[in-house]
Protein backbone atom coordinates (compact mmCIF):
# COMPACT_ATOMS: atom_id res chain seq x y z
CA MET A 1 89.38 87.83 127.52
CA SER A 2 91.42 87.31 124.33
CA GLU A 3 92.01 90.08 122.14
CA ALA A 4 89.46 90.06 119.38
CA LYS A 5 91.30 89.19 115.74
CA LEU A 6 91.57 92.00 113.16
CA LYS A 7 88.95 91.11 110.23
CA ILE A 8 91.14 90.91 107.07
CA GLY A 9 88.59 90.91 103.60
CA ILE A 10 90.29 89.18 100.53
CA ILE A 11 88.98 89.85 97.46
CA GLY A 12 89.94 87.02 94.78
CA ALA A 13 90.26 83.45 95.97
CA GLY A 14 92.84 82.44 93.05
CA SER A 15 96.19 81.26 93.69
CA MET A 16 97.54 84.52 95.40
CA GLY A 17 94.54 84.89 97.27
CA THR A 18 94.87 81.28 98.62
CA LEU A 19 98.14 81.97 99.37
CA PHE A 20 97.96 85.04 101.59
CA GLY A 21 94.58 83.76 102.84
CA TYR A 22 96.39 81.15 104.05
CA HIS A 23 98.94 82.55 105.96
CA LEU A 24 96.59 85.32 106.94
CA ALA A 25 94.21 83.44 108.83
CA ALA A 26 96.73 82.02 111.38
CA THR A 27 96.41 85.42 113.05
CA CYS A 28 93.44 86.70 111.81
CA ASP A 29 89.78 86.75 110.88
CA VAL A 30 89.62 86.14 107.13
CA ALA A 31 86.86 86.36 105.01
CA MET A 32 87.09 85.62 101.45
CA TYR A 33 85.06 86.94 98.36
CA ASP A 34 85.10 85.54 94.52
CA ALA A 35 83.47 85.90 91.39
CA ASN A 36 83.26 82.02 91.27
CA ALA A 37 80.36 80.27 92.97
CA GLU A 38 81.98 76.97 92.90
CA THR A 39 85.68 78.02 94.33
CA LEU A 40 83.89 79.45 97.34
CA ARG A 41 81.75 76.11 97.73
CA LYS A 42 85.14 74.17 97.83
CA ILE A 43 86.87 76.80 100.23
CA SER A 44 83.66 76.82 102.65
CA GLN A 45 83.59 73.09 102.66
CA ASP A 46 87.81 72.38 102.83
CA GLY A 47 89.13 75.33 103.84
CA LEU A 48 92.65 76.67 102.42
CA SER A 49 95.99 74.90 102.48
CA VAL A 50 99.62 75.23 101.31
CA ASN A 51 102.23 72.40 100.10
CA GLY A 52 99.39 70.16 101.92
CA ALA A 53 99.64 71.43 105.25
CA GLN A 54 97.02 71.14 107.81
CA PRO A 55 93.58 73.22 106.22
CA ARG A 56 92.94 76.82 107.63
CA LYS A 57 89.12 77.55 107.71
CA VAL A 58 88.30 81.28 106.40
CA THR A 59 84.71 82.68 106.40
CA ILE A 60 83.18 82.76 102.93
CA ALA A 61 81.39 85.57 101.89
CA ALA A 62 78.33 85.37 99.99
CA SER A 63 78.46 88.65 98.79
CA ALA A 64 80.22 91.84 98.60
CA ARG A 65 78.54 93.30 101.56
CA GLU A 66 79.88 90.74 103.76
CA LEU A 67 83.43 92.38 103.61
CA PHE A 68 81.95 95.83 104.41
CA ALA A 69 83.46 95.69 107.84
CA SER A 70 86.98 94.61 106.89
CA GLN A 71 89.53 96.62 108.80
CA VAL A 72 92.35 95.94 105.67
CA LEU A 73 90.92 94.86 102.18
CA PHE A 74 93.39 93.12 100.39
CA LEU A 75 92.80 92.85 96.53
CA PHE A 76 93.80 89.51 94.48
CA VAL A 77 92.00 90.07 90.99
CA LYS A 78 93.42 90.79 87.83
CA ALA A 79 94.39 94.34 86.80
CA VAL A 80 91.40 94.34 84.36
CA ASP A 81 88.99 93.65 87.19
CA THR A 82 89.75 95.86 89.74
CA LEU A 83 87.15 98.27 88.79
CA ARG A 84 84.56 95.23 88.78
CA ALA A 85 85.25 94.14 91.81
CA LEU A 86 85.47 97.17 94.08
CA ARG A 87 82.58 98.98 92.84
CA PRO A 88 79.94 97.48 95.39
CA PHE A 89 82.32 98.56 98.22
CA ALA A 90 82.07 102.05 97.22
CA GLY A 91 80.41 104.28 99.97
CA GLU A 92 80.14 100.89 102.40
CA LEU A 93 83.68 100.65 103.24
CA ASN A 94 85.03 102.32 106.42
CA PRO A 95 87.17 105.19 104.94
CA ALA A 96 90.33 104.11 106.70
CA THR A 97 90.01 100.90 106.09
CA PRO A 98 93.30 100.74 103.53
CA ILE A 99 92.87 98.77 100.43
CA VAL A 100 96.26 96.61 99.69
CA SER A 101 97.10 95.78 96.59
CA LEU A 102 100.14 93.65 95.17
CA GLN A 103 98.87 93.31 91.63
CA ASN A 104 100.57 93.61 88.14
CA GLY A 105 101.32 96.33 86.22
CA VAL A 106 100.93 100.10 87.10
CA GLY A 107 97.81 102.15 87.46
CA ASN A 108 96.12 99.83 89.81
CA GLU A 109 95.61 102.76 92.49
CA ASP A 110 94.11 105.10 89.98
CA ALA A 111 91.91 102.17 89.52
CA ILE A 112 91.23 101.61 93.14
CA LYS A 113 90.51 105.30 93.78
CA THR A 114 88.01 105.68 90.73
CA ALA A 115 86.25 103.23 92.46
CA LEU A 116 86.30 103.99 96.16
CA GLY A 117 87.35 107.72 95.92
CA GLY A 118 90.37 109.53 95.93
CA ALA A 119 91.08 110.09 99.70
CA VAL A 120 90.82 105.87 100.28
CA PRO A 121 94.40 104.88 101.59
CA VAL A 122 95.59 102.60 99.19
CA VAL A 123 98.98 100.31 100.07
CA LEU A 124 100.74 98.94 97.30
CA GLY A 125 103.10 96.25 96.86
CA ILE A 126 105.05 93.50 94.91
CA THR A 127 105.59 90.16 95.98
CA THR A 128 107.98 87.16 94.68
CA GLU A 129 105.85 84.64 96.30
CA SER A 130 105.03 82.05 94.00
CA SER A 131 101.76 79.88 93.91
CA LEU A 132 100.00 77.58 91.25
CA THR A 133 96.77 76.50 92.00
CA LEU A 134 95.82 72.24 92.31
CA ALA A 135 92.27 72.77 93.26
CA PRO A 136 89.88 75.15 94.50
CA GLY A 137 91.73 76.35 97.97
CA ARG A 138 94.83 74.32 97.55
CA VAL A 139 98.01 75.75 96.39
CA ARG A 140 101.63 74.66 95.99
CA SER A 141 104.48 77.03 97.06
CA SER A 142 108.21 77.50 97.01
CA GLU A 143 107.45 79.55 100.16
CA GLU A 144 110.68 81.68 99.51
CA GLY A 145 109.26 84.90 98.20
CA ALA A 146 109.36 88.04 99.77
CA THR A 147 106.77 91.04 99.74
CA ILE A 148 107.59 94.82 99.47
CA ILE A 149 105.22 97.12 101.06
CA GLY A 150 104.82 101.20 100.36
CA SER A 151 102.50 103.95 99.26
CA THR A 152 102.01 107.41 97.68
CA SER A 153 98.76 108.24 99.57
CA ALA A 154 98.52 106.13 102.73
CA ALA A 155 100.34 107.07 106.10
CA PRO A 156 103.66 105.20 106.49
CA ALA A 157 102.29 103.69 109.65
CA THR A 158 99.22 102.15 107.66
CA SER A 159 102.22 100.63 105.26
CA ARG A 160 104.12 99.41 108.42
CA MET A 161 100.86 97.98 110.01
CA VAL A 162 100.19 95.98 106.92
CA SER A 163 103.95 94.67 106.62
CA ASP A 164 103.83 93.70 110.15
CA LEU A 165 100.75 91.87 109.15
CA LEU A 166 102.24 89.60 106.61
CA THR A 167 105.18 88.80 108.93
CA GLN A 168 103.15 87.81 111.76
CA SER A 169 101.61 85.46 109.53
CA GLY A 170 104.70 83.73 108.78
CA LEU A 171 105.46 85.63 105.04
CA ARG A 172 108.51 87.66 104.91
CA ALA A 173 107.53 91.58 103.79
CA SER A 174 109.56 94.97 104.20
CA VAL A 175 108.39 98.28 103.95
CA VAL A 176 109.95 101.37 101.56
CA TYR A 177 109.61 104.41 101.78
CA ASP A 178 109.07 104.94 97.78
CA ILE A 179 107.15 102.01 96.39
CA ARG A 180 107.67 102.94 92.62
CA PRO A 181 111.02 101.94 91.74
CA HIS A 182 109.71 98.48 92.71
CA LEU A 183 106.25 98.74 91.00
CA TRP A 184 108.54 99.60 87.50
CA GLY A 185 111.30 96.88 88.41
CA LYS A 186 108.40 94.57 88.21
CA LEU A 187 107.16 95.95 85.61
CA VAL A 188 110.19 95.40 83.58
CA ALA A 189 109.84 92.08 84.09
CA ASN A 190 106.63 90.94 83.35
CA ALA A 191 107.05 93.28 80.35
CA ALA A 192 109.42 91.04 79.38
CA ILE A 193 107.86 87.91 80.02
CA ASN A 194 104.52 87.85 80.55
CA ALA A 195 103.12 88.54 76.75
CA LEU A 196 106.24 86.48 74.89
CA SER A 197 105.21 83.58 77.09
CA ALA A 198 101.62 83.72 76.21
CA LEU A 199 102.50 84.33 72.30
CA LEU A 200 104.97 81.35 72.53
CA ASP A 201 102.77 78.95 74.48
CA CYS A 202 105.85 77.89 76.70
CA ASN A 203 107.40 78.09 79.92
CA THR A 204 109.02 81.19 80.81
CA GLY A 205 112.29 79.12 81.18
CA GLU A 206 111.94 78.56 77.22
CA ILE A 207 112.42 82.82 76.98
CA ALA A 208 116.07 82.80 78.18
CA ARG A 209 116.97 79.14 76.12
CA ASP A 210 115.68 80.17 72.76
CA PRO A 211 118.40 82.98 71.18
CA ASN A 212 115.13 84.99 69.32
CA ALA A 213 113.10 84.94 72.25
CA ALA A 214 115.36 85.98 74.71
CA HIS A 215 116.45 89.20 72.06
CA LEU A 216 112.75 89.77 72.00
CA SER A 217 112.79 90.28 75.85
CA GLU A 218 115.58 91.93 76.55
CA SER A 219 114.33 94.72 73.99
CA LEU A 220 111.12 94.72 75.81
CA ALA A 221 112.95 95.17 79.29
CA GLU A 222 115.17 97.70 77.88
CA GLU A 223 112.20 99.92 76.71
CA VAL A 224 110.68 99.58 80.29
CA ALA A 225 113.72 101.06 81.58
CA ALA A 226 114.35 103.77 79.38
CA VAL A 227 110.62 104.99 80.32
CA ALA A 228 111.48 104.55 83.97
CA ALA A 229 114.27 106.83 83.38
CA ALA A 230 112.53 109.30 81.57
CA LEU A 231 110.05 109.44 84.29
CA LYS A 232 112.68 109.84 87.03
CA ILE A 233 112.28 106.57 88.38
CA ASN A 234 115.38 104.86 89.98
CA LEU A 235 114.91 101.13 89.34
CA PRO A 236 115.93 98.72 92.05
CA PHE A 237 118.38 96.93 89.51
CA ALA A 238 121.24 98.06 87.60
CA ASN A 239 120.87 95.36 84.57
CA PRO A 240 117.46 95.13 83.02
CA TRP A 241 118.19 92.08 81.45
CA SER A 242 120.20 90.75 83.96
CA TYR A 243 117.44 91.00 86.39
CA VAL A 244 114.78 89.39 84.11
CA THR A 245 117.00 86.54 83.60
CA GLN A 246 116.86 85.91 87.41
CA VAL A 247 113.12 86.35 87.66
CA ILE A 248 112.78 84.06 84.72
CA GLU A 249 114.92 81.37 86.50
CA LEU A 250 112.45 81.33 89.71
CA GLY A 251 109.53 80.31 87.59
CA ALA A 252 111.66 78.23 84.86
CA ASP A 253 109.03 75.51 84.84
CA SER A 254 105.79 77.57 84.62
CA LYS A 255 103.80 79.83 82.03
CA SER A 256 103.13 83.33 82.61
CA SER A 257 99.46 84.29 83.75
CA MET A 258 99.07 86.02 80.69
CA ALA A 259 99.22 82.74 79.20
CA PHE A 260 97.42 81.17 81.73
CA ASP A 261 94.37 84.02 80.84
CA LEU A 262 94.58 83.45 77.32
CA GLU A 263 93.82 79.55 77.57
CA SER A 264 91.40 79.77 80.07
CA GLY A 265 89.29 82.93 78.01
CA HIS A 266 89.84 85.48 80.60
CA PRO A 267 90.48 88.85 79.29
CA SER A 268 94.40 89.58 79.68
CA GLU A 269 96.40 92.03 81.71
CA ILE A 270 98.45 93.58 78.36
CA ASP A 271 97.08 96.96 78.94
CA HIS A 272 98.03 97.26 82.25
CA ILE A 273 101.51 96.22 81.50
CA ASN A 274 102.91 96.31 78.32
CA GLY A 275 100.44 98.86 77.23
CA ALA A 276 101.20 100.81 80.11
CA VAL A 277 104.52 101.29 78.98
CA VAL A 278 103.87 102.40 75.44
CA ALA A 279 101.36 104.85 77.09
CA PHE A 280 104.00 106.59 79.29
CA GLY A 281 106.31 105.89 76.72
CA ARG A 282 104.17 108.44 74.36
CA ARG A 283 104.04 110.81 77.40
CA THR A 284 107.85 111.00 77.66
CA GLY A 285 108.68 110.41 74.30
CA VAL A 286 110.43 107.34 74.44
CA PRO A 287 110.30 104.98 71.85
CA THR A 288 108.56 101.46 72.57
CA PRO A 289 108.23 99.51 69.29
CA TYR A 290 108.63 96.11 71.01
CA ASN A 291 106.10 97.04 73.66
CA ASP A 292 103.85 98.07 71.03
CA ALA A 293 104.08 95.05 69.10
CA MET A 294 103.16 92.80 72.30
CA VAL A 295 99.84 94.63 72.90
CA ARG A 296 98.88 94.62 69.11
CA LEU A 297 99.58 90.67 68.90
CA ILE A 298 98.02 89.85 72.53
CA LYS A 299 95.20 92.01 71.02
CA ALA A 300 94.92 90.22 68.17
CA LYS A 301 95.58 86.66 69.37
CA GLU A 302 92.29 87.95 71.94
CA ALA A 303 90.35 88.58 69.12
CA LEU A 304 90.57 85.68 66.78
CA ARG A 305 89.85 83.59 70.31
CA GLU A 306 86.75 84.92 70.28
CA ARG A 307 85.75 84.85 66.33
CA PRO A 308 83.80 81.55 65.66
CA ARG A 309 85.70 79.11 63.76
CA ALA A 310 84.65 78.45 60.40
């Protein structure tokens, strides 16, 4: 008798949910849920595919209830949507079910525990996997990225299990003892790139090529590094700007996710990225004027977007 496959739940069927769902479907029983019914309809009909590969079928959940039996639950929604996405699961999930977040920003663990309770095992991580949506359930990816997994609350064995799960599905993954340096390392890049790309309405590669944009980006990165140092978090690189330029190079031909948020009318993650830097800066007494300016500019742009035109 064949061994039962692990039940994986995925909340969020966008580009990253599709990429990870496609890979996990090779070895697991994957069920996906998303607020966009049309996206789910297309995935139910055509399956998931990366770079034109043979599609893989997954189960489509008509409601959150159909993911309650998940043995591992992956969260691929924007940080701003975490509470809304997880509230239906409160009191319904097995308390031992790990919640895996590879989301942008810091503070995601707090949001998850606010929704599900402080005892829930949360596995955090960062990924350099890239994924661009071509159509619902269809993405293009370099498939050259890697995922780093860790936790501040789940047992080390749980983090290893999630890492092994990703590795077995064909993705690159590893485990670290302390995930915070990596989360803040990713925050350095996100804070230096995302809002600028959105405000300038440009591909990320333009940031490094334009001297004014590059100066702003470097200043943003240096502020995040200063706040991390005040929090006694050792970043996984010595030079913040050098790291940011590497990240820019990887995604040079695409806009940031925040740029797409502004274009689509979706609320941005500014409070979870530059806004988080400002909040921790206040807490530690580190000035963050560049990040504060980004927050105010993005919020102004969002407000103007909502204002009816004369």
